[in-house]
Amino acid sequence: QLGLGEHDLHFSFPELPLRPGAYSL
């Protein structure tokens, strides 16, 4: 649900056990 205007979408993760490097979202 989004009204008019600006909004922050927050995605929370207990952890991201990824190998060191660059990742694309």
mmCIF file of all heavy atoms, coordinates in Angstrom:
data_MODEL
# 
_entry.id   MODEL 
# 
loop_
_atom_site.group_PDB 
_atom_site.id 
_atom_site.type_symbol 
_atom_site.label_atom_id 
_atom_site.label_alt_id 
_atom_site.label_comp_id 
_atom_site.label_asym_id 
_atom_site.label_entity_id 
_atom_site.label_seq_id 
_atom_site.pdbx_PDB_ins_code 
_atom_site.Cartn_x 
_atom_site.Cartn_y 
_atom_site.Cartn_z 
_atom_site.occupancy 
_atom_site.B_iso_or_equiv 
_atom_site.pdbx_formal_charge 
_atom_site.auth_seq_id 
_atom_site.auth_comp_id 
_atom_site.auth_asym_id 
_atom_site.auth_atom_id 
_atom_site.pdbx_PDB_model_num 
ATOM 1   N N   . GLN A 1 1  ? 0.843  -1.190  0.000   1.00 0.00 ? 1  GLN A N   1 
ATOM 2   C CA  . GLN A 1 1  ? 0.000  0.000   0.000   1.00 0.00 ? 1  GLN A CA  1 
ATOM 3   C C   . GLN A 1 1  ? 0.882  1.246   0.000   1.00 0.00 ? 1  GLN A C   1 
ATOM 4   O O   . GLN A 1 1  ? 1.698  1.434   0.907   1.00 0.00 ? 1  GLN A O   1 
ATOM 5   C CB  . GLN A 1 1  ? -0.921 0.017   1.220   1.00 0.00 ? 1  GLN A CB  1 
ATOM 6   C CG  . GLN A 1 1  ? -1.892 -1.156  1.269   1.00 0.00 ? 1  GLN A CG  1 
ATOM 7   C CD  . GLN A 1 1  ? -2.860 -1.067  2.435   1.00 0.00 ? 1  GLN A CD  1 
ATOM 8   O OE1 . GLN A 1 1  ? -3.038 0.003   3.035   1.00 0.00 ? 1  GLN A OE1 1 
ATOM 9   N NE2 . GLN A 1 1  ? -3.498 -2.182  2.761   1.00 0.00 ? 1  GLN A NE2 1 
ATOM 10  N N   . LEU A 1 2  ? 0.703  2.056   -1.029  1.00 0.00 ? 2  LEU A N   1 
ATOM 11  C CA  . LEU A 1 2  ? 1.470  3.293   -1.160  1.00 0.00 ? 2  LEU A CA  1 
ATOM 12  C C   . LEU A 1 2  ? 0.532  4.452   -1.438  1.00 0.00 ? 2  LEU A C   1 
ATOM 13  O O   . LEU A 1 2  ? -0.273 4.397   -2.380  1.00 0.00 ? 2  LEU A O   1 
ATOM 14  C CB  . LEU A 1 2  ? 2.489  3.187   -2.301  1.00 0.00 ? 2  LEU A CB  1 
ATOM 15  C CG  . LEU A 1 2  ? 3.675  2.228   -2.139  1.00 0.00 ? 2  LEU A CG  1 
ATOM 16  C CD1 . LEU A 1 2  ? 4.544  2.261   -3.386  1.00 0.00 ? 2  LEU A CD1 1 
ATOM 17  C CD2 . LEU A 1 2  ? 4.500  2.578   -0.915  1.00 0.00 ? 2  LEU A CD2 1 
ATOM 18  N N   . GLY A 1 3  ? 0.635  5.474   -0.611  1.00 0.00 ? 3  GLY A N   1 
ATOM 19  C CA  . GLY A 1 3  ? -0.097 6.698   -0.888  1.00 0.00 ? 3  GLY A CA  1 
ATOM 20  C C   . GLY A 1 3  ? 0.693  7.593   -1.812  1.00 0.00 ? 3  GLY A C   1 
ATOM 21  O O   . GLY A 1 3  ? 1.740  7.196   -2.350  1.00 0.00 ? 3  GLY A O   1 
ATOM 22  N N   . LEU A 1 4  ? 0.253  8.790   -2.003  1.00 0.00 ? 4  LEU A N   1 
ATOM 23  C CA  . LEU A 1 4  ? 0.975  9.742   -2.852  1.00 0.00 ? 4  LEU A CA  1 
ATOM 24  C C   . LEU A 1 4  ? 2.208  10.252  -2.112  1.00 0.00 ? 4  LEU A C   1 
ATOM 25  O O   . LEU A 1 4  ? 2.203  10.404  -0.886  1.00 0.00 ? 4  LEU A O   1 
ATOM 26  C CB  . LEU A 1 4  ? 0.064  10.908  -3.228  1.00 0.00 ? 4  LEU A CB  1 
ATOM 27  C CG  . LEU A 1 4  ? -1.216 10.547  -4.000  1.00 0.00 ? 4  LEU A CG  1 
ATOM 28  C CD1 . LEU A 1 4  ? -2.043 11.806  -4.269  1.00 0.00 ? 4  LEU A CD1 1 
ATOM 29  C CD2 . LEU A 1 4  ? -0.878 9.848   -5.304  1.00 0.00 ? 4  LEU A CD2 1 
ATOM 30  N N   . GLY A 1 5  ? 3.254  10.532  -2.850  1.00 0.00 ? 5  GLY A N   1 
ATOM 31  C CA  . GLY A 1 5  ? 4.465  11.083  -2.244  1.00 0.00 ? 5  GLY A CA  1 
ATOM 32  C C   . GLY A 1 5  ? 5.603  10.083  -2.174  1.00 0.00 ? 5  GLY A C   1 
ATOM 33  O O   . GLY A 1 5  ? 5.614  9.060   -2.856  1.00 0.00 ? 5  GLY A O   1 
ATOM 34  N N   . GLU A 1 6  ? 6.588  10.385  -1.299  1.00 0.00 ? 6  GLU A N   1 
ATOM 35  C CA  . GLU A 1 6  ? 7.790  9.565   -1.184  1.00 0.00 ? 6  GLU A CA  1 
ATOM 36  C C   . GLU A 1 6  ? 7.643  8.549   -0.057  1.00 0.00 ? 6  GLU A C   1 
ATOM 37  O O   . GLU A 1 6  ? 7.036  8.820   0.970   1.00 0.00 ? 6  GLU A O   1 
ATOM 38  C CB  . GLU A 1 6  ? 9.012  10.452  -0.931  1.00 0.00 ? 6  GLU A CB  1 
ATOM 39  C CG  . GLU A 1 6  ? 9.323  11.392  -2.088  1.00 0.00 ? 6  GLU A CG  1 
ATOM 40  C CD  . GLU A 1 6  ? 10.586 12.211  -1.853  1.00 0.00 ? 6  GLU A CD  1 
ATOM 41  O OE1 . GLU A 1 6  ? 11.228 11.993  -0.781  1.00 0.00 ? 6  GLU A OE1 1 
ATOM 42  O OE2 . GLU A 1 6  ? 10.920 13.039  -2.703  1.00 0.00 ? 6  GLU A OE2 1 
ATOM 43  N N   . HIS A 1 7  ? 8.243  7.369   -0.269  1.00 0.00 ? 7  HIS A N   1 
ATOM 44  C CA  . HIS A 1 7  ? 8.163  6.284   0.705   1.00 0.00 ? 7  HIS A CA  1 
ATOM 45  C C   . HIS A 1 7  ? 9.512  5.565   0.774   1.00 0.00 ? 7  HIS A C   1 
ATOM 46  O O   . HIS A 1 7  ? 10.225 5.470   -0.223  1.00 0.00 ? 7  HIS A O   1 
ATOM 47  C CB  . HIS A 1 7  ? 7.078  5.273   0.319   1.00 0.00 ? 7  HIS A CB  1 
ATOM 48  C CG  . HIS A 1 7  ? 5.722  5.877   0.141   1.00 0.00 ? 7  HIS A CG  1 
ATOM 49  N ND1 . HIS A 1 7  ? 4.801  6.013   1.163   1.00 0.00 ? 7  HIS A ND1 1 
ATOM 50  C CD2 . HIS A 1 7  ? 5.129  6.409   -0.966  1.00 0.00 ? 7  HIS A CD2 1 
ATOM 51  C CE1 . HIS A 1 7  ? 3.705  6.577   0.711   1.00 0.00 ? 7  HIS A CE1 1 
ATOM 52  N NE2 . HIS A 1 7  ? 3.879  6.827   -0.582  1.00 0.00 ? 7  HIS A NE2 1 
ATOM 53  N N   . ASP A 1 8  ? 9.812  5.052   1.966   1.00 0.00 ? 8  ASP A N   1 
ATOM 54  C CA  . ASP A 1 8  ? 10.985 4.202   2.153   1.00 0.00 ? 8  ASP A CA  1 
ATOM 55  C C   . ASP A 1 8  ? 10.522 2.758   2.341   1.00 0.00 ? 8  ASP A C   1 
ATOM 56  O O   . ASP A 1 8  ? 9.740  2.466   3.247   1.00 0.00 ? 8  ASP A O   1 
ATOM 57  C CB  . ASP A 1 8  ? 11.787 4.641   3.377   1.00 0.00 ? 8  ASP A CB  1 
ATOM 58  C CG  . ASP A 1 8  ? 12.619 5.881   3.099   1.00 0.00 ? 8  ASP A CG  1 
ATOM 59  O OD1 . ASP A 1 8  ? 13.012 6.073   1.938   1.00 0.00 ? 8  ASP A OD1 1 
ATOM 60  O OD2 . ASP A 1 8  ? 12.875 6.662   4.044   1.00 0.00 ? 8  ASP A OD2 1 
ATOM 61  N N   . LEU A 1 9  ? 10.995 1.894   1.478   1.00 0.00 ? 9  LEU A N   1 
ATOM 62  C CA  . LEU A 1 9  ? 10.721 0.461   1.609   1.00 0.00 ? 9  LEU A CA  1 
ATOM 63  C C   . LEU A 1 9  ? 11.915 -0.180  2.306   1.00 0.00 ? 9  LEU A C   1 
ATOM 64  O O   . LEU A 1 9  ? 13.040 -0.120  1.804   1.00 0.00 ? 9  LEU A O   1 
ATOM 65  C CB  . LEU A 1 9  ? 10.512 -0.178  0.238   1.00 0.00 ? 9  LEU A CB  1 
ATOM 66  C CG  . LEU A 1 9  ? 9.448  0.453   -0.659  1.00 0.00 ? 9  LEU A CG  1 
ATOM 67  C CD1 . LEU A 1 9  ? 9.417  -0.253  -2.005  1.00 0.00 ? 9  LEU A CD1 1 
ATOM 68  C CD2 . LEU A 1 9  ? 8.081  0.389   0.010   1.00 0.00 ? 9  LEU A CD2 1 
ATOM 69  N N   . HIS A 1 10 ? 11.683 -0.787  3.466   1.00 0.00 ? 10 HIS A N   1 
ATOM 70  C CA  . HIS A 1 10 ? 12.765 -1.397  4.239   1.00 0.00 ? 10 HIS A CA  1 
ATOM 71  C C   . HIS A 1 10 ? 12.695 -2.914  4.134   1.00 0.00 ? 10 HIS A C   1 
ATOM 72  O O   . HIS A 1 10 ? 11.662 -3.511  4.413   1.00 0.00 ? 10 HIS A O   1 
ATOM 73  C CB  . HIS A 1 10 ? 12.685 -0.964  5.703   1.00 0.00 ? 10 HIS A CB  1 
ATOM 74  C CG  . HIS A 1 10 ? 13.165 0.432   5.933   1.00 0.00 ? 10 HIS A CG  1 
ATOM 75  N ND1 . HIS A 1 10 ? 14.488 0.755   6.077   1.00 0.00 ? 10 HIS A ND1 1 
ATOM 76  C CD2 . HIS A 1 10 ? 12.481 1.597   6.032   1.00 0.00 ? 10 HIS A CD2 1 
ATOM 77  C CE1 . HIS A 1 10 ? 14.613 2.059   6.264   1.00 0.00 ? 10 HIS A CE1 1 
ATOM 78  N NE2 . HIS A 1 10 ? 13.404 2.592   6.235   1.00 0.00 ? 10 HIS A NE2 1 
ATOM 79  N N   . PHE A 1 11 ? 13.805 -3.500  3.735   1.00 0.00 ? 11 PHE A N   1 
ATOM 80  C CA  . PHE A 1 11 ? 13.929 -4.958  3.662   1.00 0.00 ? 11 PHE A CA  1 
ATOM 81  C C   . PHE A 1 11 ? 14.946 -5.377  4.729   1.00 0.00 ? 11 PHE A C   1 
ATOM 82  O O   . PHE A 1 11 ? 16.102 -4.924  4.695   1.00 0.00 ? 11 PHE A O   1 
ATOM 83  C CB  . PHE A 1 11 ? 14.393 -5.404  2.275   1.00 0.00 ? 11 PHE A CB  1 
ATOM 84  C CG  . PHE A 1 11 ? 13.446 -5.033  1.171   1.00 0.00 ? 11 PHE A CG  1 
ATOM 85  C CD1 . PHE A 1 11 ? 13.548 -3.803  0.535   1.00 0.00 ? 11 PHE A CD1 1 
ATOM 86  C CD2 . PHE A 1 11 ? 12.456 -5.911  0.775   1.00 0.00 ? 11 PHE A CD2 1 
ATOM 87  C CE1 . PHE A 1 11 ? 12.678 -3.456  -0.474  1.00 0.00 ? 11 PHE A CE1 1 
ATOM 88  C CE2 . PHE A 1 11 ? 11.579 -5.572  -0.248  1.00 0.00 ? 11 PHE A CE2 1 
ATOM 89  C CZ  . PHE A 1 11 ? 11.680 -4.341  -0.871  1.00 0.00 ? 11 PHE A CZ  1 
ATOM 90  N N   . SER A 1 12 ? 14.529 -6.217  5.655   1.00 0.00 ? 12 SER A N   1 
ATOM 91  C CA  . SER A 1 12 ? 15.395 -6.626  6.762   1.00 0.00 ? 12 SER A CA  1 
ATOM 92  C C   . SER A 1 12 ? 15.755 -8.097  6.643   1.00 0.00 ? 12 SER A C   1 
ATOM 93  O O   . SER A 1 12 ? 14.901 -8.938  6.332   1.00 0.00 ? 12 SER A O   1 
ATOM 94  C CB  . SER A 1 12 ? 14.695 -6.367  8.104   1.00 0.00 ? 12 SER A CB  1 
ATOM 95  O OG  . SER A 1 12 ? 14.421 -4.977  8.264   1.00 0.00 ? 12 SER A OG  1 
ATOM 96  N N   . PHE A 1 13 ? 17.014 -8.412  6.919   1.00 0.00 ? 13 PHE A N   1 
ATOM 97  C CA  . PHE A 1 13 ? 17.531 -9.776  6.838   1.00 0.00 ? 13 PHE A CA  1 
ATOM 98  C C   . PHE A 1 13 ? 18.256 -10.108 8.141   1.00 0.00 ? 13 PHE A C   1 
ATOM 99  O O   . PHE A 1 13 ? 19.052 -9.295  8.622   1.00 0.00 ? 13 PHE A O   1 
ATOM 100 C CB  . PHE A 1 13 ? 18.520 -9.934  5.675   1.00 0.00 ? 13 PHE A CB  1 
ATOM 101 C CG  . PHE A 1 13 ? 18.042 -9.332  4.382   1.00 0.00 ? 13 PHE A CG  1 
ATOM 102 C CD1 . PHE A 1 13 ? 18.344 -8.021  4.053   1.00 0.00 ? 13 PHE A CD1 1 
ATOM 103 C CD2 . PHE A 1 13 ? 17.296 -10.080 3.497   1.00 0.00 ? 13 PHE A CD2 1 
ATOM 104 C CE1 . PHE A 1 13 ? 17.916 -7.466  2.861   1.00 0.00 ? 13 PHE A CE1 1 
ATOM 105 C CE2 . PHE A 1 13 ? 16.860 -9.533  2.302   1.00 0.00 ? 13 PHE A CE2 1 
ATOM 106 C CZ  . PHE A 1 13 ? 17.161 -8.219  1.989   1.00 0.00 ? 13 PHE A CZ  1 
ATOM 107 N N   . PRO A 1 14 ? 18.006 -11.285 8.719   1.00 0.00 ? 14 PRO A N   1 
ATOM 108 C CA  . PRO A 1 14 ? 18.761 -11.668 9.918   1.00 0.00 ? 14 PRO A CA  1 
ATOM 109 C C   . PRO A 1 14 ? 20.266 -11.660 9.658   1.00 0.00 ? 14 PRO A C   1 
ATOM 110 O O   . PRO A 1 14 ? 21.058 -11.281 10.507  1.00 0.00 ? 14 PRO A O   1 
ATOM 111 C CB  . PRO A 1 14 ? 18.257 -13.080 10.222  1.00 0.00 ? 14 PRO A CB  1 
ATOM 112 C CG  . PRO A 1 14 ? 16.921 -13.162 9.567   1.00 0.00 ? 14 PRO A CG  1 
ATOM 113 C CD  . PRO A 1 14 ? 17.013 -12.309 8.347   1.00 0.00 ? 14 PRO A CD  1 
ATOM 114 N N   . GLU A 1 15 ? 20.641 -12.046 8.439   1.00 0.00 ? 15 GLU A N   1 
ATOM 115 C CA  . GLU A 1 15 ? 22.031 -11.984 7.993   1.00 0.00 ? 15 GLU A CA  1 
ATOM 116 C C   . GLU A 1 15 ? 22.069 -12.261 6.489   1.00 0.00 ? 15 GLU A C   1 
ATOM 117 O O   . GLU A 1 15 ? 21.120 -12.808 5.926   1.00 0.00 ? 15 GLU A O   1 
ATOM 118 C CB  . GLU A 1 15 ? 22.912 -12.991 8.728   1.00 0.00 ? 15 GLU A CB  1 
ATOM 119 C CG  . GLU A 1 15 ? 22.489 -14.436 8.560   1.00 0.00 ? 15 GLU A CG  1 
ATOM 120 C CD  . GLU A 1 15 ? 23.408 -15.374 9.310   1.00 0.00 ? 15 GLU A CD  1 
ATOM 121 O OE1 . GLU A 1 15 ? 24.572 -15.000 9.536   1.00 0.00 ? 15 GLU A OE1 1 
ATOM 122 O OE2 . GLU A 1 15 ? 22.966 -16.465 9.663   1.00 0.00 ? 15 GLU A OE2 1 
ATOM 123 N N   . LEU A 1 16 ? 23.167 -11.860 5.854   1.00 0.00 ? 16 LEU A N   1 
ATOM 124 C CA  . LEU A 1 16 ? 23.399 -12.159 4.436   1.00 0.00 ? 16 LEU A CA  1 
ATOM 125 C C   . LEU A 1 16 ? 24.744 -12.869 4.332   1.00 0.00 ? 16 LEU A C   1 
ATOM 126 O O   . LEU A 1 16 ? 25.781 -12.238 4.141   1.00 0.00 ? 16 LEU A O   1 
ATOM 127 C CB  . LEU A 1 16 ? 23.411 -10.875 3.603   1.00 0.00 ? 16 LEU A CB  1 
ATOM 128 C CG  . LEU A 1 16 ? 22.075 -10.291 3.175   1.00 0.00 ? 16 LEU A CG  1 
ATOM 129 C CD1 . LEU A 1 16 ? 22.280 -8.993  2.392   1.00 0.00 ? 16 LEU A CD1 1 
ATOM 130 C CD2 . LEU A 1 16 ? 21.282 -11.282 2.336   1.00 0.00 ? 16 LEU A CD2 1 
ATOM 131 N N   . PRO A 1 17 ? 24.759 -14.191 4.469   1.00 0.00 ? 17 PRO A N   1 
ATOM 132 C CA  . PRO A 1 17 ? 26.039 -14.924 4.490   1.00 0.00 ? 17 PRO A CA  1 
ATOM 133 C C   . PRO A 1 17 ? 26.617 -15.115 3.090   1.00 0.00 ? 17 PRO A C   1 
ATOM 134 O O   . PRO A 1 17 ? 26.872 -16.234 2.642   1.00 0.00 ? 17 PRO A O   1 
ATOM 135 C CB  . PRO A 1 17 ? 25.646 -16.264 5.122   1.00 0.00 ? 17 PRO A CB  1 
ATOM 136 C CG  . PRO A 1 17 ? 24.233 -16.475 4.675   1.00 0.00 ? 17 PRO A CG  1 
ATOM 137 C CD  . PRO A 1 17 ? 23.606 -15.099 4.644   1.00 0.00 ? 17 PRO A CD  1 
ATOM 138 N N   . LEU A 1 18 ? 26.816 -14.018 2.371   1.00 0.00 ? 18 LEU A N   1 
ATOM 139 C CA  . LEU A 1 18 ? 27.336 -14.074 1.012   1.00 0.00 ? 18 LEU A CA  1 
ATOM 140 C C   . LEU A 1 18 ? 28.855 -13.929 1.022   1.00 0.00 ? 18 LEU A C   1 
ATOM 141 O O   . LEU A 1 18 ? 29.427 -13.257 1.883   1.00 0.00 ? 18 LEU A O   1 
ATOM 142 C CB  . LEU A 1 18 ? 26.720 -12.960 0.159   1.00 0.00 ? 18 LEU A CB  1 
ATOM 143 C CG  . LEU A 1 18 ? 25.197 -12.993 -0.003  1.00 0.00 ? 18 LEU A CG  1 
ATOM 144 C CD1 . LEU A 1 18 ? 24.724 -11.772 -0.777  1.00 0.00 ? 18 LEU A CD1 1 
ATOM 145 C CD2 . LEU A 1 18 ? 24.760 -14.266 -0.708  1.00 0.00 ? 18 LEU A CD2 1 
ATOM 146 N N   . ARG A 1 19 ? 29.488 -14.531 0.039   1.00 0.00 ? 19 ARG A N   1 
ATOM 147 C CA  . ARG A 1 19 ? 30.932 -14.374 -0.090  1.00 0.00 ? 19 ARG A CA  1 
ATOM 148 C C   . ARG A 1 19 ? 31.261 -12.923 -0.412  1.00 0.00 ? 19 ARG A C   1 
ATOM 149 O O   . ARG A 1 19 ? 30.476 -12.233 -1.076  1.00 0.00 ? 19 ARG A O   1 
ATOM 150 C CB  . ARG A 1 19 ? 31.464 -15.284 -1.197  1.00 0.00 ? 19 ARG A CB  1 
ATOM 151 C CG  . ARG A 1 19 ? 31.463 -16.752 -0.823  1.00 0.00 ? 19 ARG A CG  1 
ATOM 152 C CD  . ARG A 1 19 ? 31.873 -17.615 -2.001  1.00 0.00 ? 19 ARG A CD  1 
ATOM 153 N NE  . ARG A 1 19 ? 33.188 -17.252 -2.502  1.00 0.00 ? 19 ARG A NE  1 
ATOM 154 C CZ  . ARG A 1 19 ? 34.333 -17.631 -1.947  1.00 0.00 ? 19 ARG A CZ  1 
ATOM 155 N NH1 . ARG A 1 19 ? 34.324 -18.382 -0.866  1.00 0.00 ? 19 ARG A NH1 1 
ATOM 156 N NH2 . ARG A 1 19 ? 35.493 -17.285 -2.466  1.00 0.00 ? 19 ARG A NH2 1 
ATOM 157 N N   . PRO A 1 20 ? 32.420 -12.426 0.041   1.00 0.00 ? 20 PRO A N   1 
ATOM 158 C CA  . PRO A 1 20 ? 32.800 -11.038 -0.261  1.00 0.00 ? 20 PRO A CA  1 
ATOM 159 C C   . PRO A 1 20 ? 32.790 -10.767 -1.756  1.00 0.00 ? 20 PRO A C   1 
ATOM 160 O O   . PRO A 1 20 ? 33.220 -11.598 -2.556  1.00 0.00 ? 20 PRO A O   1 
ATOM 161 C CB  . PRO A 1 20 ? 34.214 -10.941 0.325   1.00 0.00 ? 20 PRO A CB  1 
ATOM 162 C CG  . PRO A 1 20 ? 34.223 -11.941 1.428   1.00 0.00 ? 20 PRO A CG  1 
ATOM 163 C CD  . PRO A 1 20 ? 33.375 -13.086 0.943   1.00 0.00 ? 20 PRO A CD  1 
ATOM 164 N N   . GLY A 1 21 ? 32.287 -9.607  -2.123  1.00 0.00 ? 21 GLY A N   1 
ATOM 165 C CA  . GLY A 1 21 ? 32.204 -9.227  -3.532  1.00 0.00 ? 21 GLY A CA  1 
ATOM 166 C C   . GLY A 1 21 ? 31.102 -8.219  -3.763  1.00 0.00 ? 21 GLY A C   1 
ATOM 167 O O   . GLY A 1 21 ? 30.505 -7.681  -2.827  1.00 0.00 ? 21 GLY A O   1 
ATOM 168 N N   . ALA A 1 22 ? 30.832 -7.947  -5.032  1.00 0.00 ? 22 ALA A N   1 
ATOM 169 C CA  . ALA A 1 22 ? 29.795 -6.990  -5.426  1.00 0.00 ? 22 ALA A CA  1 
ATOM 170 C C   . ALA A 1 22 ? 28.556 -7.744  -5.891  1.00 0.00 ? 22 ALA A C   1 
ATOM 171 O O   . ALA A 1 22 ? 28.654 -8.743  -6.612  1.00 0.00 ? 22 ALA A O   1 
ATOM 172 C CB  . ALA A 1 22 ? 30.307 -6.080  -6.541  1.00 0.00 ? 22 ALA A CB  1 
ATOM 173 N N   . TYR A 1 23 ? 27.387 -7.249  -5.500  1.00 0.00 ? 23 TYR A N   1 
ATOM 174 C CA  . TYR A 1 23 ? 26.126 -7.895  -5.842  1.00 0.00 ? 23 TYR A CA  1 
ATOM 175 C C   . TYR A 1 23 ? 25.152 -6.851  -6.377  1.00 0.00 ? 23 TYR A C   1 
ATOM 176 O O   . TYR A 1 23 ? 25.157 -5.685  -5.958  1.00 0.00 ? 23 TYR A O   1 
ATOM 177 C CB  . TYR A 1 23 ? 25.531 -8.606  -4.618  1.00 0.00 ? 23 TYR A CB  1 
ATOM 178 C CG  . TYR A 1 23 ? 26.367 -9.762  -4.150  1.00 0.00 ? 23 TYR A CG  1 
ATOM 179 C CD1 . TYR A 1 23 ? 27.428 -9.563  -3.273  1.00 0.00 ? 23 TYR A CD1 1 
ATOM 180 C CD2 . TYR A 1 23 ? 26.128 -11.050 -4.622  1.00 0.00 ? 23 TYR A CD2 1 
ATOM 181 C CE1 . TYR A 1 23 ? 28.214 -10.631 -2.863  1.00 0.00 ? 23 TYR A CE1 1 
ATOM 182 C CE2 . TYR A 1 23 ? 26.910 -12.119 -4.208  1.00 0.00 ? 23 TYR A CE2 1 
ATOM 183 C CZ  . TYR A 1 23 ? 27.958 -11.895 -3.334  1.00 0.00 ? 23 TYR A CZ  1 
ATOM 184 O OH  . TYR A 1 23 ? 28.744 -12.943 -2.942  1.00 0.00 ? 23 TYR A OH  1 
ATOM 185 N N   . SER A 1 24 ? 24.327 -7.292  -7.307  1.00 0.00 ? 24 SER A N   1 
ATOM 186 C CA  . SER A 1 24 ? 23.357 -6.418  -7.948  1.00 0.00 ? 24 SER A CA  1 
ATOM 187 C C   . SER A 1 24 ? 21.969 -6.658  -7.356  1.00 0.00 ? 24 SER A C   1 
ATOM 188 O O   . SER A 1 24 ? 21.542 -7.808  -7.217  1.00 0.00 ? 24 SER A O   1 
ATOM 189 C CB  . SER A 1 24 ? 23.343 -6.694  -9.464  1.00 0.00 ? 24 SER A CB  1 
ATOM 190 O OG  . SER A 1 24 ? 22.422 -5.868  -10.110 1.00 0.00 ? 24 SER A OG  1 
ATOM 191 N N   . LEU A 1 25 ? 21.288 -5.577  -6.992  1.00 0.00 ? 25 LEU A N   1 
ATOM 192 C CA  . LEU A 1 25 ? 19.942 -5.661  -6.439  1.00 0.00 ? 25 LEU A CA  1 
ATOM 193 C C   . LEU A 1 25 ? 18.931 -5.178  -7.472  1.00 0.00 ? 25 LEU A C   1 
ATOM 194 O O   . LEU A 1 25 ? 19.075 -4.089  -8.039  1.00 0.00 ? 25 LEU A O   1 
ATOM 195 C CB  . LEU A 1 25 ? 19.824 -4.797  -5.177  1.00 0.00 ? 25 LEU A CB  1 
ATOM 196 C CG  . LEU A 1 25 ? 20.689 -5.200  -3.984  1.00 0.00 ? 25 LEU A CG  1 
ATOM 197 C CD1 . LEU A 1 25 ? 20.544 -4.182  -2.860  1.00 0.00 ? 25 LEU A CD1 1 
ATOM 198 C CD2 . LEU A 1 25 ? 20.315 -6.583  -3.487  1.00 0.00 ? 25 LEU A CD2 1 
# 
